Amino acid sequence: MHILILCRSLTSAQKAARIIQRSGIYAVTAKAPQGANPGGCAYGVKLAGRNRDTALRLLTEAGIPVLSVIELPEHGERR
């Protein structure tokens, strides 16, 4: 399973991805599924679900706000 950590903007998502990558975790900037964030930007950082806690801790320490976390099951359907 993968997760998508939604950020406030594309720039914020890119910065978040760099922070996570520096710790050795594979992470990429990705567009969120349609309707995932109806109130704003729909970009985030996609990574393996097993790295969720570490990634969220890194972003909190760096002062990067997280809007939400979406689980992306292997078949691509959002939960």
N, C-alpha and C. Protein backbone atom coordinates (compact mmCIF):
# COMPACT_ATOMS: atom_id res chain seq x y z
N MET A 1 0.84 -1.18 0.00
CA MET A 1 0.00 0.00 0.00
C MET A 1 0.89 1.25 0.00
N HIS A 2 0.43 2.26 -0.69
CA HIS A 2 1.10 3.56 -0.70
C HIS A 2 0.21 4.59 -0.02
N ILE A 3 0.83 5.70 0.38
CA ILE A 3 0.06 6.80 0.93
C ILE A 3 0.40 8.07 0.16
N LEU A 4 -0.51 9.03 0.24
CA LEU A 4 -0.29 10.35 -0.34
C LEU A 4 -0.49 11.35 0.79
N ILE A 5 0.57 12.09 1.10
CA ILE A 5 0.50 13.12 2.12
C ILE A 5 0.20 14.43 1.41
N LEU A 6 -1.00 14.97 1.61
CA LEU A 6 -1.41 16.19 0.93
C LEU A 6 -0.78 17.42 1.59
N CYS A 7 -0.31 18.33 0.74
CA CYS A 7 0.32 19.57 1.18
C CYS A 7 -0.48 20.76 0.69
N ARG A 8 -0.11 21.96 1.16
CA ARG A 8 -0.86 23.17 0.82
C ARG A 8 -0.68 23.62 -0.62
N SER A 9 0.46 23.29 -1.23
CA SER A 9 0.74 23.74 -2.59
C SER A 9 1.71 22.78 -3.25
N LEU A 10 1.88 22.94 -4.54
CA LEU A 10 2.85 22.12 -5.27
C LEU A 10 4.25 22.39 -4.73
N THR A 11 4.57 23.65 -4.48
CA THR A 11 5.89 23.99 -3.94
C THR A 11 6.13 23.33 -2.59
N SER A 12 5.13 23.34 -1.74
CA SER A 12 5.23 22.71 -0.43
C SER A 12 5.40 21.19 -0.57
N ALA A 13 4.70 20.59 -1.51
CA ALA A 13 4.82 19.15 -1.76
C ALA A 13 6.23 18.81 -2.26
N GLN A 14 6.79 19.64 -3.12
CA GLN A 14 8.14 19.41 -3.62
C GLN A 14 9.16 19.50 -2.49
N LYS A 15 9.00 20.47 -1.63
CA LYS A 15 9.90 20.63 -0.48
C LYS A 15 9.76 19.43 0.45
N ALA A 16 8.53 18.99 0.70
CA ALA A 16 8.29 17.84 1.56
C ALA A 16 8.94 16.59 0.98
N ALA A 17 8.83 16.39 -0.32
CA ALA A 17 9.44 15.22 -0.96
C ALA A 17 10.95 15.24 -0.78
N ARG A 18 11.57 16.40 -0.94
CA ARG A 18 13.03 16.50 -0.76
C ARG A 18 13.45 16.16 0.67
N ILE A 19 12.68 16.64 1.65
CA ILE A 19 12.98 16.36 3.05
C ILE A 19 12.90 14.86 3.33
N ILE A 20 11.86 14.23 2.83
CA ILE A 20 11.68 12.79 3.04
C ILE A 20 12.77 12.00 2.31
N GLN A 21 13.09 12.40 1.09
CA GLN A 21 14.12 11.70 0.31
C GLN A 21 15.49 11.76 0.98
N ARG A 22 15.81 12.90 1.61
CA ARG A 22 17.10 13.05 2.29
C ARG A 22 17.29 12.03 3.40
N SER A 23 16.20 11.49 3.93
CA SER A 23 16.30 10.48 4.98
C SER A 23 16.45 9.08 4.41
N GLY A 24 16.47 8.96 3.08
CA GLY A 24 16.63 7.66 2.44
C GLY A 24 15.33 6.98 2.06
N ILE A 25 14.21 7.66 2.20
CA ILE A 25 12.90 7.10 1.83
C ILE A 25 12.56 7.54 0.42
N TYR A 26 12.14 6.58 -0.42
CA TYR A 26 11.71 6.92 -1.77
C TYR A 26 10.37 7.64 -1.70
N ALA A 27 10.32 8.87 -2.21
CA ALA A 27 9.10 9.68 -2.20
C ALA A 27 9.07 10.54 -3.46
N VAL A 28 7.88 10.71 -4.03
CA VAL A 28 7.72 11.52 -5.23
C VAL A 28 6.54 12.47 -5.06
N THR A 29 6.65 13.62 -5.72
CA THR A 29 5.54 14.56 -5.74
C THR A 29 4.49 14.00 -6.70
N ALA A 30 3.22 14.05 -6.29
CA ALA A 30 2.15 13.48 -7.11
C ALA A 30 0.88 14.31 -6.99
N LYS A 31 0.10 14.28 -8.04
CA LYS A 31 -1.21 14.93 -8.03
C LYS A 31 -2.18 14.02 -7.31
N ALA A 32 -2.99 14.60 -6.46
CA ALA A 32 -3.97 13.82 -5.69
C ALA A 32 -5.13 13.40 -6.59
N PRO A 33 -5.81 12.33 -6.22
CA PRO A 33 -7.00 11.92 -6.96
C PRO A 33 -8.05 13.04 -6.93
N GLN A 34 -8.84 13.13 -7.97
CA GLN A 34 -9.86 14.16 -8.06
C GLN A 34 -10.78 14.09 -6.85
N GLY A 35 -11.03 15.25 -6.24
CA GLY A 35 -11.92 15.33 -5.09
C GLY A 35 -11.24 15.05 -3.76
N ALA A 36 -9.94 14.78 -3.77
CA ALA A 36 -9.24 14.46 -2.52
C ALA A 36 -9.13 15.68 -1.62
N ASN A 37 -9.02 16.86 -2.21
CA ASN A 37 -8.90 18.08 -1.43
C ASN A 37 -9.71 19.17 -2.12
N PRO A 38 -11.02 19.15 -1.95
CA PRO A 38 -11.88 20.09 -2.66
C PRO A 38 -11.65 21.56 -2.33
N GLY A 39 -11.00 21.85 -1.20
CA GLY A 39 -10.81 23.23 -0.78
C GLY A 39 -9.54 23.88 -1.27
N GLY A 40 -8.72 23.18 -2.05
CA GLY A 40 -7.47 23.81 -2.46
C GLY A 40 -6.63 22.94 -3.35
N CYS A 41 -5.34 23.11 -3.23
CA CYS A 41 -4.37 22.43 -4.07
C CYS A 41 -4.48 20.92 -3.88
N ALA A 42 -4.22 20.21 -4.92
CA ALA A 42 -4.34 18.75 -4.86
C ALA A 42 -3.01 18.09 -5.21
N TYR A 43 -1.96 18.48 -4.49
CA TYR A 43 -0.65 17.86 -4.67
C TYR A 43 -0.14 17.36 -3.34
N GLY A 44 0.66 16.33 -3.43
CA GLY A 44 1.22 15.77 -2.21
C GLY A 44 2.45 14.96 -2.51
N VAL A 45 2.81 14.14 -1.53
CA VAL A 45 3.99 13.30 -1.62
C VAL A 45 3.53 11.85 -1.51
N LYS A 46 3.88 11.05 -2.51
CA LYS A 46 3.51 9.63 -2.52
C LYS A 46 4.70 8.81 -2.05
N LEU A 47 4.42 7.88 -1.13
CA LEU A 47 5.46 7.00 -0.61
C LEU A 47 4.85 5.72 -0.09
N ALA A 48 5.70 4.75 0.23
CA ALA A 48 5.23 3.49 0.78
C ALA A 48 4.59 3.72 2.14
N GLY A 49 3.47 3.06 2.39
CA GLY A 49 2.75 3.22 3.64
C GLY A 49 3.56 2.88 4.87
N ARG A 50 4.51 1.95 4.74
CA ARG A 50 5.32 1.55 5.90
C ARG A 50 6.19 2.70 6.42
N ASN A 51 6.38 3.75 5.59
CA ASN A 51 7.20 4.89 5.98
C ASN A 51 6.38 6.07 6.50
N ARG A 52 5.10 5.87 6.69
CA ARG A 52 4.18 6.95 7.08
C ARG A 52 4.62 7.70 8.33
N ASP A 53 4.84 6.99 9.41
CA ASP A 53 5.17 7.65 10.68
C ASP A 53 6.47 8.44 10.59
N THR A 54 7.47 7.85 9.97
CA THR A 54 8.76 8.55 9.82
C THR A 54 8.60 9.81 8.99
N ALA A 55 7.88 9.70 7.87
CA ALA A 55 7.69 10.85 6.98
C ALA A 55 6.93 11.97 7.69
N LEU A 56 5.87 11.63 8.41
CA LEU A 56 5.10 12.64 9.12
C LEU A 56 5.94 13.31 10.21
N ARG A 57 6.78 12.54 10.88
CA ARG A 57 7.67 13.12 11.90
C ARG A 57 8.66 14.09 11.26
N LEU A 58 9.25 13.69 10.12
CA LEU A 58 10.20 14.56 9.43
C LEU A 58 9.55 15.88 9.01
N LEU A 59 8.33 15.80 8.49
CA LEU A 59 7.63 17.00 8.03
C LEU A 59 7.25 17.89 9.21
N THR A 60 6.84 17.30 10.31
CA THR A 60 6.52 18.07 11.51
C THR A 60 7.76 18.80 12.01
N GLU A 61 8.87 18.09 12.07
CA GLU A 61 10.13 18.70 12.53
C GLU A 61 10.58 19.84 11.61
N ALA A 62 10.27 19.72 10.31
CA ALA A 62 10.67 20.74 9.34
C ALA A 62 9.65 21.89 9.26
N GLY A 63 8.53 21.77 9.97
CA GLY A 63 7.52 22.82 9.96
C GLY A 63 6.66 22.84 8.71
N ILE A 64 6.55 21.71 8.03
CA ILE A 64 5.73 21.63 6.81
C ILE A 64 4.34 21.14 7.21
N PRO A 65 3.30 21.96 7.00
CA PRO A 65 1.94 21.53 7.36
C PRO A 65 1.44 20.40 6.46
N VAL A 66 0.78 19.45 7.06
CA VAL A 66 0.17 18.33 6.33
C VAL A 66 -1.33 18.50 6.40
N LEU A 67 -1.98 18.53 5.23
CA LEU A 67 -3.44 18.70 5.20
C LEU A 67 -4.16 17.40 5.54
N SER A 68 -3.70 16.31 4.95
CA SER A 68 -4.29 15.00 5.24
C SER A 68 -3.41 13.91 4.66
N VAL A 69 -3.73 12.68 5.04
CA VAL A 69 -3.02 11.52 4.52
C VAL A 69 -4.05 10.59 3.91
N ILE A 70 -3.82 10.22 2.65
CA ILE A 70 -4.74 9.36 1.92
C ILE A 70 -4.06 8.02 1.67
N GLU A 71 -4.74 6.93 1.97
CA GLU A 71 -4.22 5.60 1.66
C GLU A 71 -4.55 5.28 0.21
N LEU A 72 -3.56 4.80 -0.52
CA LEU A 72 -3.73 4.42 -1.92
C LEU A 72 -3.45 2.93 -2.05
N PRO A 73 -4.48 2.10 -1.98
CA PRO A 73 -4.27 0.65 -2.12
C PRO A 73 -3.63 0.32 -3.47
N GLU A 74 -3.03 -0.84 -3.56
CA GLU A 74 -2.31 -1.26 -4.76
C GLU A 74 -3.12 -1.17 -6.05
N HIS A 75 -4.42 -1.43 -5.98
CA HIS A 75 -5.24 -1.39 -7.19
C HIS A 75 -5.63 0.03 -7.60
N GLY A 76 -5.14 1.04 -6.89
CA GLY A 76 -5.36 2.42 -7.27
C GLY A 76 -6.60 3.09 -6.71
N GLU A 77 -7.44 2.34 -6.02
CA GLU A 77 -8.67 2.91 -5.45
C GLU A 77 -8.36 3.61 -4.14
N ARG A 78 -8.88 4.80 -3.96
CA ARG A 78 -8.64 5.58 -2.74
C ARG A 78 -9.51 5.07 -1.60
N ARG A 79 -8.92 5.03 -0.37
CA ARG A 79 -9.70 4.65 0.81
C ARG A 79 -9.81 5.83 1.75
